[in-house]
PDB file of N, CA and C in Angstrom:
ATOM      1  N   MET A   1       0.941  -1.265  -0.280  1.00  0.00           N
ATOM      2  CA  MET A   1      -0.217  -0.115   0.103  1.00  0.00           C
ATOM      3  C   MET A   1       0.764   1.175  -0.216  1.00  0.00           C
ATOM      4  N   VAL A   2       0.347   2.195  -0.942  1.00  0.00           N
ATOM      5  CA  VAL A   2       1.338   3.515  -1.018  1.00  0.00           C
ATOM      6  C   VAL A   2       0.796   4.303   0.111  1.00  0.00           C
ATOM      7  N   ILE A   3       1.152   5.150   0.660  1.00  0.00           N
ATOM      8  CA  ILE A   3       0.883   6.114   1.623  1.00  0.00           C
ATOM      9  C   ILE A   3       1.187   7.345   1.383  1.00  0.00           C
ATOM     10  N   SER A   4       0.480   8.217   1.215  1.00  0.00           N
ATOM     11  CA  SER A   4       0.769   9.505   1.375  1.00  0.00           C
ATOM     12  C   SER A   4       1.503  10.037   2.616  1.00  0.00           C
ATOM     13  N   ARG A   5       2.381  11.037   2.288  1.00  0.00           N
ATOM     14  CA  ARG A   5       2.893  11.684   3.475  1.00  0.00           C
ATOM     15  C   ARG A   5       2.681  12.896   3.823  1.00  0.00           C
ATOM     16  N   VAL A   6       2.057  13.392   4.716  1.00  0.00           N
ATOM     17  CA  VAL A   6       1.411  14.920   5.553  1.00  0.00           C
ATOM     18  C   VAL A   6       2.193  15.612   6.108  1.00  0.00           C
ATOM     19  N   LEU A   7       2.580  16.900   5.924  1.00  0.00           N
ATOM     20  CA  LEU A   7       3.387  17.828   6.734  1.00  0.00           C
ATOM     21  C   LEU A   7       2.302  18.858   7.191  1.00  0.00           C
ATOM     22  N   ILE A   8       1.783  18.971   8.337  1.00  0.00           N
ATOM     23  CA  ILE A   8       1.209  19.721   8.745  1.00  0.00           C
ATOM     24  C   ILE A   8       1.617  21.177   9.341  1.00  0.00           C
ATOM     25  N   LEU A   9       1.641  22.274   8.725  1.00  0.00           N
ATOM     26  CA  LEU A   9       2.200  23.520   9.465  1.00  0.00           C
ATOM     27  C   LEU A   9       1.056  24.493   9.737  1.00  0.00           C
ATOM     28  N   TYR A  10      -0.394  24.101   9.880  1.00  0.00           N
ATOM     29  CA  TYR A  10      -1.294  25.174   9.860  1.00  0.00           C
ATOM     30  C   TYR A  10      -1.638  25.802  11.587  1.00  0.00           C
ATOM     31  N   GLU A  11      -1.766  26.832  11.366  1.00  0.00           N
ATOM     32  CA  GLU A  11      -1.703  27.613  12.779  1.00  0.00           C
ATOM     33  C   GLU A  11      -3.352  28.289  12.611  1.00  0.00           C
ATOM     34  N   PRO A  12      -3.888  28.189  13.841  1.00  0.00           N
ATOM     35  CA  PRO A  12      -3.383  28.196  15.006  1.00  0.00           C
ATOM     36  C   PRO A  12      -3.359  26.208  15.512  1.00  0.00           C
ATOM     37  N   ARG A  13      -2.479  26.139  16.577  1.00  0.00           N
ATOM     38  CA  ARG A  13      -2.391  24.561  16.970  1.00  0.00           C
ATOM     39  C   ARG A  13      -3.236  23.931  17.156  1.00  0.00           C
ATOM     40  N   LEU A  14      -4.707  24.713  17.110  1.00  0.00           N
ATOM     41  CA  LEU A  14      -5.978  23.853  17.884  1.00  0.00           C
ATOM     42  C   LEU A  14      -6.418  23.212  16.384  1.00  0.00           C
ATOM     43  N   TYR A  15      -6.246  24.261  15.346  1.00  0.00           N
ATOM     44  CA  TYR A  15      -6.652  23.355  14.167  1.00  0.00           C
ATOM     45  C   TYR A  15      -5.799  22.572  13.610  1.00  0.00           C
ATOM     46  N   SER A  16      -4.602  22.620  13.957  1.00  0.00           N
ATOM     47  CA  SER A  16      -3.611  21.815  13.116  1.00  0.00           C
ATOM     48  C   SER A  16      -3.613  20.303  14.114  1.00  0.00           C
ATOM     49  N   ASP A  17      -4.230  20.406  15.565  1.00  0.00           N
ATOM     50  CA  ASP A  17      -4.188  19.083  15.861  1.00  0.00           C
ATOM     51  C   ASP A  17      -5.793  18.379  15.530  1.00  0.00           C
ATOM     52  N   LEU A  18      -6.719  19.234  15.088  1.00  0.00           N
ATOM     53  CA  LEU A  18      -7.750  18.596  14.482  1.00  0.00           C
ATOM     54  C   LEU A  18      -7.792  18.318  13.205  1.00  0.00           C
ATOM     55  N   ILE A  19      -7.049  18.778  12.300  1.00  0.00           N
ATOM     56  CA  ILE A  19      -6.859  18.509  10.903  1.00  0.00           C
ATOM     57  C   ILE A  19      -5.745  16.882  11.108  1.00  0.00           C
ATOM     58  N   ASN A  20      -5.270  17.050  12.043  1.00  0.00           N
ATOM     59  CA  ASN A  20      -4.096  15.621  12.240  1.00  0.00           C
ATOM     60  C   ASN A  20      -5.015  14.749  12.512  1.00  0.00           C
ATOM     61  N   GLU A  21      -5.825  14.790  13.436  1.00  0.00           N
ATOM     62  CA  GLU A  21      -6.762  13.982  13.814  1.00  0.00           C
ATOM     63  C   GLU A  21      -8.101  13.360  12.847  1.00  0.00           C
ATOM     64  N   LEU A  22      -8.632  14.219  12.160  1.00  0.00           N
ATOM     65  CA  LEU A  22      -9.136  14.015  10.717  1.00  0.00           C
ATOM     66  C   LEU A  22      -8.340  13.055   9.728  1.00  0.00           C
ATOM     67  N   ILE A  23      -7.417  13.429   9.365  1.00  0.00           N
ATOM     68  CA  ILE A  23      -6.697  12.680   8.150  1.00  0.00           C
ATOM     69  C   ILE A  23      -6.244  11.538   8.685  1.00  0.00           C
ATOM     70  N   GLU A  24      -5.883  11.353  10.052  1.00  0.00           N
ATOM     71  CA  GLU A  24      -5.656   9.764  10.576  1.00  0.00           C
ATOM     72  C   GLU A  24      -6.702   9.177  10.563  1.00  0.00           C
ATOM     73  N   GLN A  25      -7.707   9.481  10.749  1.00  0.00           N
ATOM     74  CA  GLN A  25      -8.551   8.571  10.428  1.00  0.00           C
ATOM     75  C   GLN A  25      -8.899   8.013   9.296  1.00  0.00           C
ATOM     76  N   LEU A  26      -8.652   8.286   8.048  1.00  0.00           N
ATOM     77  CA  LEU A  26      -8.433   8.125   6.589  1.00  0.00           C
ATOM     78  C   LEU A  26      -7.622   6.852   6.739  1.00  0.00           C
ATOM     79  N   GLY A  27      -6.554   6.666   7.474  1.00  0.00           N
ATOM     80  CA  GLY A  27      -5.798   5.491   7.753  1.00  0.00           C
ATOM     81  C   GLY A  27      -4.651   5.555   6.285  1.00  0.00           C
ATOM     82  N   LEU A  28      -4.789   6.464   5.384  1.00  0.00           N
ATOM     83  CA  LEU A  28      -4.258   6.010   4.158  1.00  0.00           C
ATOM     84  C   LEU A  28      -3.202   6.927   3.997  1.00  0.00           C
ATOM     85  N   LEU A  29      -2.795   7.593   5.337  1.00  0.00           N
ATOM     86  CA  LEU A  29      -1.709   8.888   5.171  1.00  0.00           C
ATOM     87  C   LEU A  29      -0.717   8.707   6.506  1.00  0.00           C
ATOM     88  N   ASP A  30       0.285   9.425   6.268  1.00  0.00           N
ATOM     89  CA  ASP A  30       1.411   9.166   7.081  1.00  0.00           C
ATOM     90  C   ASP A  30       1.777  10.706   7.503  1.00  0.00           C
ATOM     91  N   ILE A  31       1.549  11.036   8.773  1.00  0.00           N
ATOM     92  CA  ILE A  31       1.579  12.440   9.340  1.00  0.00           C
ATOM     93  C   ILE A  31       2.734  12.760  10.016  1.00  0.00           C
ATOM     94  N   VAL A  32       3.451  13.616   9.313  1.00  0.00           N
ATOM     95  CA  VAL A  32       4.400  14.228   9.919  1.00  0.00           C
ATOM     96  C   VAL A  32       4.184  15.156  11.255  1.00  0.00           C
ATOM     97  N   GLU A  33       4.231  15.194  12.356  1.00  0.00           N
ATOM     98  CA  GLU A  33       3.835  16.104  13.067  1.00  0.00           C
ATOM     99  C   GLU A  33       4.931  17.215  13.303  1.00  0.00           C
ATOM    100  N   ILE A  34       4.284  18.095  13.690  1.00  0.00           N
ATOM    101  CA  ILE A  34       4.943  19.309  14.188  1.00  0.00           C
ATOM    102  C   ILE A  34       4.914  19.827  15.263  1.00  0.00           C
ATOM    103  N   THR A  35       6.061  20.403  15.846  1.00  0.00           N
ATOM    104  CA  THR A  35       6.406  20.755  17.091  1.00  0.00           C
ATOM    105  C   THR A  35       6.069  22.105  17.296  1.00  0.00           C
ATOM    106  N   ASP A  36       6.027  23.161  18.525  1.00  0.00           N
ATOM    107  CA  ASP A  36       5.457  24.135  18.655  1.00  0.00           C
ATOM    108  C   ASP A  36       6.364  25.083  17.855  1.00  0.00           C
ATOM    109  N   ASN A  37       7.567  24.661  17.589  1.00  0.00           N
ATOM    110  CA  ASN A  37       8.668  25.740  17.025  1.00  0.00           C
ATOM    111  C   ASN A  37       8.499  25.182  15.582  1.00  0.00           C
ATOM    112  N   HIS A  38       7.764  24.322  15.188  1.00  0.00           N
ATOM    113  CA  HIS A  38       7.581  24.341  13.604  1.00  0.00           C
ATOM    114  C   HIS A  38       8.538  23.021  12.951  1.00  0.00           C
ATOM    115  N   SER A  39       9.292  22.192  13.861  1.00  0.00           N
ATOM    116  CA  SER A  39      10.131  21.424  13.440  1.00  0.00           C
ATOM    117  C   SER A  39       9.501  19.916  13.394  1.00  0.00           C
ATOM    118  N   ALA A  40       9.871  19.312  12.228  1.00  0.00           N
ATOM    119  CA  ALA A  40       9.228  18.002  12.281  1.00  0.00           C
ATOM    120  C   ALA A  40       9.809  16.849  13.080  1.00  0.00           C
ATOM    121  N   SER A  41       8.890  16.573  14.191  1.00  0.00           N
ATOM    122  CA  SER A  41       9.311  15.581  15.074  1.00  0.00           C
ATOM    123  C   SER A  41       9.495  14.046  14.782  1.00  0.00           C
ATOM    124  N   LYS A  42       8.838  13.643  13.545  1.00  0.00           N
ATOM    125  CA  LYS A  42       8.954  12.248  13.212  1.00  0.00           C
ATOM    126  C   LYS A  42      10.057  12.146  11.757  1.00  0.00           C
ATOM    127  N   SER A  43      10.123  13.265  11.204  1.00  0.00           N
ATOM    128  CA  SER A  43      10.946  13.431  10.164  1.00  0.00           C
ATOM    129  C   SER A  43      11.983  14.801  10.273  1.00  0.00           C
ATOM    130  N   ASN A  44      12.975  14.905  10.808  1.00  0.00           N
ATOM    131  CA  ASN A  44      13.641  16.182  10.949  1.00  0.00           C
ATOM    132  C   ASN A  44      14.922  16.264   9.718  1.00  0.00           C
ATOM    133  N   ASP A  45      15.351  15.035   9.243  1.00  0.00           N
ATOM    134  CA  ASP A  45      16.221  15.673   8.521  1.00  0.00           C
ATOM    135  C   ASP A  45      15.723  15.572   6.877  1.00  0.00           C
ATOM    136  N   SER A  46      16.606  16.257   5.988  1.00  0.00           N
ATOM    137  CA  SER A  46      15.941  16.957   4.661  1.00  0.00           C
ATOM    138  C   SER A  46      16.093  15.706   3.667  1.00  0.00           C
ATOM    139  N   GLN A  47      16.195  14.503   3.813  1.00  0.00           N
ATOM    140  CA  GLN A  47      16.252  13.029   3.461  1.00  0.00           C
ATOM    141  C   GLN A  47      14.623  12.852   3.263  1.00  0.00           C
ATOM    142  N   ASN A  48      13.905  12.871   4.755  1.00  0.00           N
ATOM    143  CA  ASN A  48      12.715  12.303   4.964  1.00  0.00           C
ATOM    144  C   ASN A  48      12.059  13.539   4.333  1.00  0.00           C
ATOM    145  N   GLN A  49      12.140  14.661   4.393  1.00  0.00           N
ATOM    146  CA  GLN A  49      11.420  15.822   4.140  1.00  0.00           C
ATOM    147  C   GLN A  49      11.129  15.794   2.719  1.00  0.00           C
ATOM    148  N   ASP A  50      12.008  15.440   1.674  1.00  0.00           N
ATOM    149  CA  ASP A  50      11.941  14.796   0.527  1.00  0.00           C
ATOM    150  C   ASP A  50      10.766  14.390  -0.149  1.00  0.00           C
ATOM    151  N   ASP A  51      10.462  13.257   0.943  1.00  0.00           N
ATOM    152  CA  ASP A  51       9.551  12.220   0.682  1.00  0.00           C
ATOM    153  C   ASP A  51       8.081  12.800   1.262  1.00  0.00           C
ATOM    154  N   ILE A  52       7.874  14.033   1.502  1.00  0.00           N
ATOM    155  CA  ILE A  52       6.705  14.636   1.702  1.00  0.00           C
ATOM    156  C   ILE A  52       5.729  14.735   0.440  1.00  0.00           C
ATOM    157  N   ASP A  53       4.567  14.247   0.495  1.00  0.00           N
ATOM    158  CA  ASP A  53       3.632  14.472  -0.751  1.00  0.00           C
ATOM    159  C   ASP A  53       2.619  15.736  -0.744  1.00  0.00           C
ATOM    160  N   VAL A  54       2.450  16.207   0.853  1.00  0.00           N
ATOM    161  CA  VAL A  54       1.614  17.345   0.765  1.00  0.00           C
ATOM    162  C   VAL A  54       2.007  18.070   1.988  1.00  0.00           C
ATOM    163  N   VAL A  55       2.026  19.703   1.764  1.00  0.00           N
ATOM    164  CA  VAL A  55       2.138  20.257   3.009  1.00  0.00           C
ATOM    165  C   VAL A  55       0.853  21.108   3.212  1.00  0.00           C
ATOM    166  N   ILE A  56       0.613  21.475   4.236  1.00  0.00           N
ATOM    167  CA  ILE A  56      -0.755  22.226   4.752  1.00  0.00           C
ATOM    168  C   ILE A  56      -0.480  23.309   5.434  1.00  0.00           C
ATOM    169  N   LEU A  57      -0.775  24.344   4.901  1.00  0.00           N
ATOM    170  CA  LEU A  57      -0.553  25.798   5.434  1.00  0.00           C
ATOM    171  C   LEU A  57      -1.800  26.604   5.754  1.00  0.00           C
ATOM    172  N   PRO A  58      -1.620  27.444   6.726  1.00  0.00           N
ATOM    173  CA  PRO A  58      -2.526  28.454   6.933  1.00  0.00           C
ATOM    174  C   PRO A  58      -2.528  29.875   5.933  1.00  0.00           C
ATOM    175  N   LEU A  59      -3.689  30.874   5.569  1.00  0.00           N
ATOM    176  CA  LEU A  59      -3.439  31.708   4.694  1.00  0.00           C
ATOM    177  C   LEU A  59      -3.211  32.896   5.922  1.00  0.00           C
ATOM    178  N   ASP A  60      -2.564  33.854   5.446  1.00  0.00           N
ATOM    179  CA  ASP A  60      -2.227  35.176   6.240  1.00  0.00           C
ATOM    180  C   ASP A  60      -3.404  35.968   6.518  1.00  0.00           C
ATOM    181  N   GLY A  61      -3.241  36.966   6.995  1.00  0.00           N
ATOM    182  CA  GLY A  61      -4.389  38.138   7.193  1.00  0.00           C
ATOM    183  C   GLY A  61      -4.782  38.679   5.831  1.00  0.00           C
ATOM    184  N   ASP A  62      -3.764  38.420   4.693  1.00  0.00           N
ATOM    185  CA  ASP A  62      -3.898  38.828   3.706  1.00  0.00           C
ATOM    186  C   ASP A  62      -4.743  38.226   2.713  1.00  0.00           C
ATOM    187  N   GLY A  63      -4.901  37.025   2.936  1.00  0.00           N
ATOM    188  CA  GLY A  63      -5.430  35.766   2.193  1.00  0.00           C
ATOM    189  C   GLY A  63      -4.589  35.167   1.232  1.00  0.00           C
ATOM    190  N   GLU A  64      -3.167  35.700   1.486  1.00  0.00           N
ATOM    191  CA  GLU A  64      -2.280  34.562   1.145  1.00  0.00           C
ATOM    192  C   GLU A  64      -1.234  33.593   1.634  1.00  0.00           C
ATOM    193  N   PRO A  65      -0.936  32.403   1.132  1.00  0.00           N
ATOM    194  CA  PRO A  65      -0.237  31.404   1.720  1.00  0.00           C
ATOM    195  C   PRO A  65       0.745  31.601   2.486  1.00  0.00           C
ATOM    196  N   LYS A  66       0.977  31.391   3.848  1.00  0.00           N
ATOM    197  CA  LYS A  66       1.859  31.511   4.893  1.00  0.00           C
ATOM    198  C   LYS A  66       3.184  30.723   4.887  1.00  0.00           C
ATOM    199  N   THR A  67       3.886  31.172   3.389  1.00  0.00           N
ATOM    200  CA  THR A  67       4.949  30.237   3.234  1.00  0.00           C
ATOM    201  C   THR A  67       6.175  30.652   4.003  1.00  0.00           C
ATOM    202  N   SER A  68       5.898  31.572   4.908  1.00  0.00           N
ATOM    203  CA  SER A  68       6.874  31.742   5.988  1.00  0.00           C
ATOM    204  C   SER A  68       7.030  30.362   6.948  1.00  0.00           C
ATOM    205  N   LEU A  69       6.301  29.845   6.968  1.00  0.00           N
ATOM    206  CA  LEU A  69       6.044  28.585   8.153  1.00  0.00           C
ATOM    207  C   LEU A  69       6.579  27.443   7.345  1.00  0.00           C
ATOM    208  N   LEU A  70       7.284  27.360   6.365  1.00  0.00           N
ATOM    209  CA  LEU A  70       7.993  26.216   5.560  1.00  0.00           C
ATOM    210  C   LEU A  70       9.044  26.128   6.415  1.00  0.00           C
ATOM    211  N   PRO A  71       9.749  24.798   6.154  1.00  0.00           N
ATOM    212  CA  PRO A  71      11.027  24.539   6.516  1.00  0.00           C
ATOM    213  C   PRO A  71      11.914  25.166   5.985  1.00  0.00           C
ATOM    214  N   ASP A  72      13.439  25.397   6.087  1.00  0.00           N
ATOM    215  CA  ASP A  72      14.254  26.118   5.164  1.00  0.00           C
ATOM    216  C   ASP A  72      14.804  24.977   4.068  1.00  0.00           C
ATOM    217  N   HIS A  73      14.629  23.885   4.017  1.00  0.00           N
ATOM    218  CA  HIS A  73      14.371  22.939   2.682  1.00  0.00           C
ATOM    219  C   HIS A  73      12.845  22.619   2.478  1.00  0.00           C
ATOM    220  N   VAL A  74      12.716  23.111   1.610  1.00  0.00           N
ATOM    221  CA  VAL A  74      11.337  23.208   1.320  1.00  0.00           C
ATOM    222  C   VAL A  74      10.870  21.975   0.567  1.00  0.00           C
ATOM    223  N   PRO A  75      10.084  21.052   0.971  1.00  0.00           N
ATOM    224  CA  PRO A  75      10.127  19.878  -0.059  1.00  0.00           C
ATOM    225  C   PRO A  75       9.471  19.819  -1.267  1.00  0.00           C
ATOM    226  N   ASP A  76       9.789  18.980  -2.124  1.00  0.00           N
ATOM    227  CA  ASP A  76       9.350  19.282  -3.565  1.00  0.00           C
ATOM    228  C   ASP A  76       7.913  18.679  -3.425  1.00  0.00           C
ATOM    229  N   ALA A  77       6.675  19.235  -2.797  1.00  0.00           N
ATOM    230  CA  ALA A  77       5.229  18.618  -2.645  1.00  0.00           C
ATOM    231  C   ALA A  77       4.315  19.510  -3.113  1.00  0.00           C
ATOM    232  N   LYS A  78       2.941  18.946  -2.761  1.00  0.00           N
ATOM    233  CA  LYS A  78       1.875  19.813  -3.023  1.00  0.00           C
ATOM    234  C   LYS A  78       1.812  20.546  -1.977  1.00  0.00           C
ATOM    235  N   LEU A  79       1.218  21.937  -2.252  1.00  0.00           N
ATOM    236  CA  LEU A  79       1.245  22.872  -0.933  1.00  0.00           C
ATOM    237  C   LEU A  79      -0.309  23.520  -1.371  1.00  0.00           C
ATOM    238  N   VAL A  80      -0.765  23.050   0.209  1.00  0.00           N
ATOM    239  CA  VAL A  80      -2.167  23.587   0.032  1.00  0.00           C
ATOM    240  C   VAL A  80      -2.584  24.315   1.406  1.00  0.00           C
ATOM    241  N   ALA A  81      -3.132  25.625   1.326  1.00  0.00           N
ATOM    242  CA  ALA A  81      -3.481  26.562   1.926  1.00  0.00           C
ATOM    243  C   ALA A  81      -4.755  27.134   2.438  1.00  0.00           C
ATOM    244  N   PHE A  82      -5.431  27.039   3.255  1.00  0.00           N
ATOM    245  CA  PHE A  82      -6.756  27.541   3.202  1.00  0.00           C
ATOM    246  C   PHE A  82      -7.147  28.334   4.672  1.00  0.00           C
ATOM    247  N   SER A  83      -8.242  29.032   4.358  1.00  0.00           N
ATOM    248  CA  SER A  83      -8.616  29.952   5.752  1.00  0.00           C
ATOM    249  C   SER A  83      -9.533  29.288   6.651  1.00  0.00           C
ATOM    250  N   PRO A  84      -9.279  29.244   7.674  1.00  0.00           N
ATOM    251  CA  PRO A  84     -10.158  28.456   8.666  1.00  0.00           C
ATOM    252  C   PRO A  84     -11.507  28.339   8.648  1.00  0.00           C
ATOM    253  N   ASP A  85     -12.334  29.662   7.995  1.00  0.00           N
ATOM    254  CA  ASP A  85     -13.331  29.548   8.086  1.00  0.00           C
ATOM    255  C   ASP A  85     -14.129  28.896   6.343  1.00  0.00           C
ATOM    256  N   GLY A  86     -13.429  28.262   5.527  1.00  0.00           N
ATOM    257  CA  GLY A  86     -13.290  27.727   4.540  1.00  0.00           C
ATOM    258  C   GLY A  86     -13.637  28.548   3.175  1.00  0.00           C
ATOM    259  N   SER A  87     -13.868  29.674   3.308  1.00  0.00           N
ATOM    260  CA  SER A  87     -13.865  30.488   2.201  1.00  0.00           C
ATOM    261  C   SER A  87     -13.017  30.445   1.187  1.00  0.00           C
ATOM    262  N   LEU A  88     -11.605  30.055   1.518  1.00  0.00           N
ATOM    263  CA  LEU A  88     -10.828  30.396   0.231  1.00  0.00           C
ATOM    264  C   LEU A  88      -9.801  29.061   0.880  1.00  0.00           C
ATOM    265  N   GLY A  89      -9.422  28.709  -0.446  1.00  0.00           N
ATOM    266  CA  GLY A  89      -8.302  27.521  -0.274  1.00  0.00           C
ATOM    267  C   GLY A  89      -7.219  27.786  -1.398  1.00  0.00           C
ATOM    268  N   MET A  90      -6.055  27.415  -1.544  1.00  0.00           N
ATOM    269  CA  MET A  90      -5.141  27.841  -2.715  1.00  0.00           C
ATOM    270  C   MET A  90      -4.326  26.346  -2.642  1.00  0.00           C
ATOM    271  N   ARG A  91      -3.946  26.010  -4.090  1.00  0.00           N
ATOM    272  CA  ARG A  91      -3.075  24.991  -4.060  1.00  0.00           C
ATOM    273  C   ARG A  91      -1.978  25.533  -5.064  1.00  0.00           C
ATOM    274  N   ARG A  92      -0.618  25.043  -4.613  1.00  0.00           N
ATOM    275  CA  ARG A  92       0.433  24.938  -5.458  1.00  0.00           C
ATOM    276  C   ARG A  92       0.990  23.605  -6.096  1.00  0.00           C
ATOM    277  N   MET A  93       1.091  23.391  -6.973  1.00  0.00           N
ATOM    278  CA  MET A  93       1.454  22.013  -7.436  1.00  0.00           C
ATOM    279  C   MET A  93       3.215  21.833  -7.223  1.00  0.00           C
ATOM    280  N   PRO A  94       3.580  20.714  -7.005  1.00  0.00           N
ATOM    281  CA  PRO A  94       5.429  20.632  -7.146  1.00  0.00           C
ATOM    282  C   PRO A  94       5.946  20.981  -8.555  1.00  0.00           C
ATOM    283  N   GLY A  95       7.086  22.132  -8.204  1.00  0.00           N
ATOM    284  CA  GLY A  95       7.787  22.478  -9.777  1.00  0.00           C
ATOM    285  C   GLY A  95       7.008  23.925 -10.369  1.00  0.00           C
ATOM    286  N   GLU A  96       5.562  24.433  -9.644  1.00  0.00           N
ATOM    287  CA  GLU A  96       5.015  25.184  -9.942  1.00  0.00           C
ATOM    288  C   GLU A  96       5.049  26.661  -9.054  1.00  0.00           C
ATOM    289  N   ASP A  97       5.027  27.880  -9.738  1.00  0.00           N
ATOM    290  CA  ASP A  97       5.072  28.772  -9.224  1.00  0.00           C
ATOM    291  C   ASP A  97       3.900  29.491  -8.619  1.00  0.00           C
ATOM    292  N   ASP A  98       2.805  29.170  -9.069  1.00  0.00           N
ATOM    293  CA  ASP A  98       1.268  29.658  -9.209  1.00  0.00           C
ATOM    294  C   ASP A  98       0.714  28.894  -8.599  1.00  0.00           C
ATOM    295  N   TRP A  99      -0.133  30.122  -7.817  1.00  0.00           N
ATOM    296  CA  TRP A  99      -1.174  29.251  -6.513  1.00  0.00           C
ATOM    297  C   TRP A  99      -2.658  29.185  -7.370  1.00  0.00           C
ATOM    298  N   ILE A 100      -3.000  28.127  -7.455  1.00  0.00           N
ATOM    299  CA  ILE A 100      -4.681  28.336  -7.670  1.00  0.00           C
ATOM    300  C   ILE A 100      -5.635  28.248  -7.000  1.00  0.00           C
ATOM    301  N   GLU A 101      -6.704  29.318  -6.840  1.00  0.00           N
ATOM    302  CA  GLU A 101      -7.614  29.290  -5.845  1.00  0.00           C
ATOM    303  C   GLU A 101      -8.915  28.446  -5.835  1.00  0.00           C
ATOM    304  N   MET A 102      -9.447  28.126  -4.826  1.00  0.00           N
ATOM    305  CA  MET A 102     -10.419  26.804  -4.623  1.00  0.00           C
ATOM    306  C   MET A 102     -11.503  27.526  -3.824  1.00  0.00           C
ATOM    307  N   ARG A 103     -12.682  27.969  -4.297  1.00  0.00           N
ATOM    308  CA  ARG A 103     -13.818  28.545  -3.340  1.00  0.00           C
ATOM    309  C   ARG A 103     -14.954  27.886  -3.464  1.00  0.00           C
ATOM    310  N   PRO A 104     -15.757  27.286  -2.747  1.00  0.00           N
ATOM    311  CA  PRO A 104     -15.225  27.354  -1.117  1.00  0.00           C
ATOM    312  C   PRO A 104     -14.212  26.166  -0.742  1.00  0.00           C
ATOM    313  N   PHE A 105     -13.878  25.996   0.390  1.00  0.00           N
ATOM    314  CA  PHE A 105     -12.978  25.235   0.412  1.00  0.00           C
ATOM    315  C   PHE A 105     -13.109  24.423   1.813  1.00  0.00           C
ATOM    316  N   GLY A 106     -13.523  23.197   1.754  1.00  0.00           N
ATOM    317  CA  GLY A 106     -14.087  22.533   2.958  1.00  0.00           C
ATOM    318  C   GLY A 106     -13.376  21.233   3.266  1.00  0.00           C
ATOM    319  N   ILE A 107     -13.624  20.688   4.268  1.00  0.00           N
ATOM    320  CA  ILE A 107     -13.126  19.529   4.804  1.00  0.00           C
ATOM    321  C   ILE A 107     -13.191  18.403   3.854  1.00  0.00           C
ATOM    322  N   SER A 108     -14.138  18.177   2.750  1.00  0.00           N
ATOM    323  CA  SER A 108     -14.102  17.266   1.323  1.00  0.00           C
ATOM    324  C   SER A 108     -12.852  17.438   0.501  1.00  0.00           C
ATOM    325  N   GLN A 109     -13.020  19.108   0.579  1.00  0.00           N
ATOM    326  CA  GLN A 109     -11.911  19.490  -0.820  1.00  0.00           C
ATOM    327  C   GLN A 109     -10.243  19.313   0.116  1.00  0.00           C
ATOM    328  N   LEU A 110     -10.109  19.162   1.431  1.00  0.00           N
ATOM    329  CA  LEU A 110      -8.855  18.885   1.808  1.00  0.00           C
ATOM    330  C   LEU A 110      -8.674  17.664   1.744  1.00  0.00           C
ATOM    331  N   ILE A 111      -9.290  16.622   1.986  1.00  0.00           N
ATOM    332  CA  ILE A 111      -9.181  15.305   1.658  1.00  0.00           C
ATOM    333  C   ILE A 111      -8.931  15.087   0.272  1.00  0.00           C
ATOM    334  N   VAL A 112      -9.636  15.676  -0.604  1.00  0.00           N
ATOM    335  CA  VAL A 112      -9.258  15.166  -2.144  1.00  0.00           C
ATOM    336  C   VAL A 112      -7.944  15.709  -2.528  1.00  0.00           C
ATOM    337  N   GLU A 113      -7.575  16.645  -1.750  1.00  0.00           N
ATOM    338  CA  GLU A 113      -6.226  17.423  -2.242  1.00  0.00           C
ATOM    339  C   GLU A 113      -4.936  16.386  -1.692  1.00  0.00           C
ATOM    340  N   ILE A 114      -5.311  16.024  -0.246  1.00  0.00           N
ATOM    341  CA  ILE A 114      -4.583  14.942   0.253  1.00  0.00           C
ATOM    342  C   ILE A 114      -4.193  13.714  -0.761  1.00  0.00           C
ATOM    343  N   LEU A 115      -5.361  13.397  -0.758  1.00  0.00           N
ATOM    344  CA  LEU A 115      -5.415  11.965  -1.733  1.00  0.00           C
ATOM    345  C   LEU A 115      -4.764  12.010  -3.005  1.00  0.00           C
ATOM    346  N   ARG A 116      -5.398  13.031  -3.579  1.00  0.00           N
ATOM    347  CA  ARG A 116      -4.780  13.379  -5.174  1.00  0.00           C
ATOM    348  C   ARG A 116      -3.328  13.400  -5.160  1.00  0.00           C
ATOM    349  N   ALA A 117      -2.614  13.842  -3.954  1.00  0.00           N
ATOM    350  CA  ALA A 117      -1.108  14.101  -4.113  1.00  0.00           C
ATOM    351  C   ALA A 117      -0.201  12.421  -4.426  1.00  0.00           C
ATOM    352  N   ASN A 118      -0.959  11.575  -4.183  1.00  0.00           N
ATOM    353  CA  ASN A 118      -0.572  10.186  -4.375  1.00  0.00           C
ATOM    354  C   ASN A 118      -1.306   9.728  -5.863  1.00  0.00           C
ATOM    355  N   PRO A 119      -0.393   9.355  -6.632  1.00  0.00           N
ATOM    356  CA  PRO A 119      -0.982   9.002  -8.120  1.00  0.00           C
ATOM    357  C   PRO A 119      -1.960   7.954  -7.876  1.00  0.00           C
ATOM    358  N   VAL A 120      -1.510   7.262  -6.771  1.00  0.00           N
ATOM    359  CA  VAL A 120      -2.500   5.721  -6.439  1.00  0.00           C
ATOM    360  C   VAL A 120      -4.176   6.068  -6.726  1.00  0.00           C
ATOM    361  N   TYR A 121      -4.200   7.353  -5.985  1.00  0.00           N
ATOM    362  CA  TYR A 121      -5.538   7.671  -5.613  1.00  0.00           C
ATOM    363  C   TYR A 121      -6.298   8.396  -6.527  1.00  0.00           C
TER     364      TYR A 121
END
């Protein structure tokens, strides 16, 4: 079985924990947990970060992906950012510079974006 690896950098931490619990229920994902200082607790080295399929980010106050939360070594992964109220989500595919807007953006859309990161799904 191929498992998608997800790095959760969402803020505030309460939402990060809820997202973690939700996608763990799917059973098809390996979640790379994040400590309070945004370092990966399950995969601290860049070798393991290269294996990440999806990074989940919040949007900042201007509605832009909060890329300042990304680690120094940015994995070649799909980036998904969304607002807590679900009014806006954004996606950037690996190797691309442009973000694609998705409106509205709910839990089902988040799950689809995570699962579609792995070509098996």
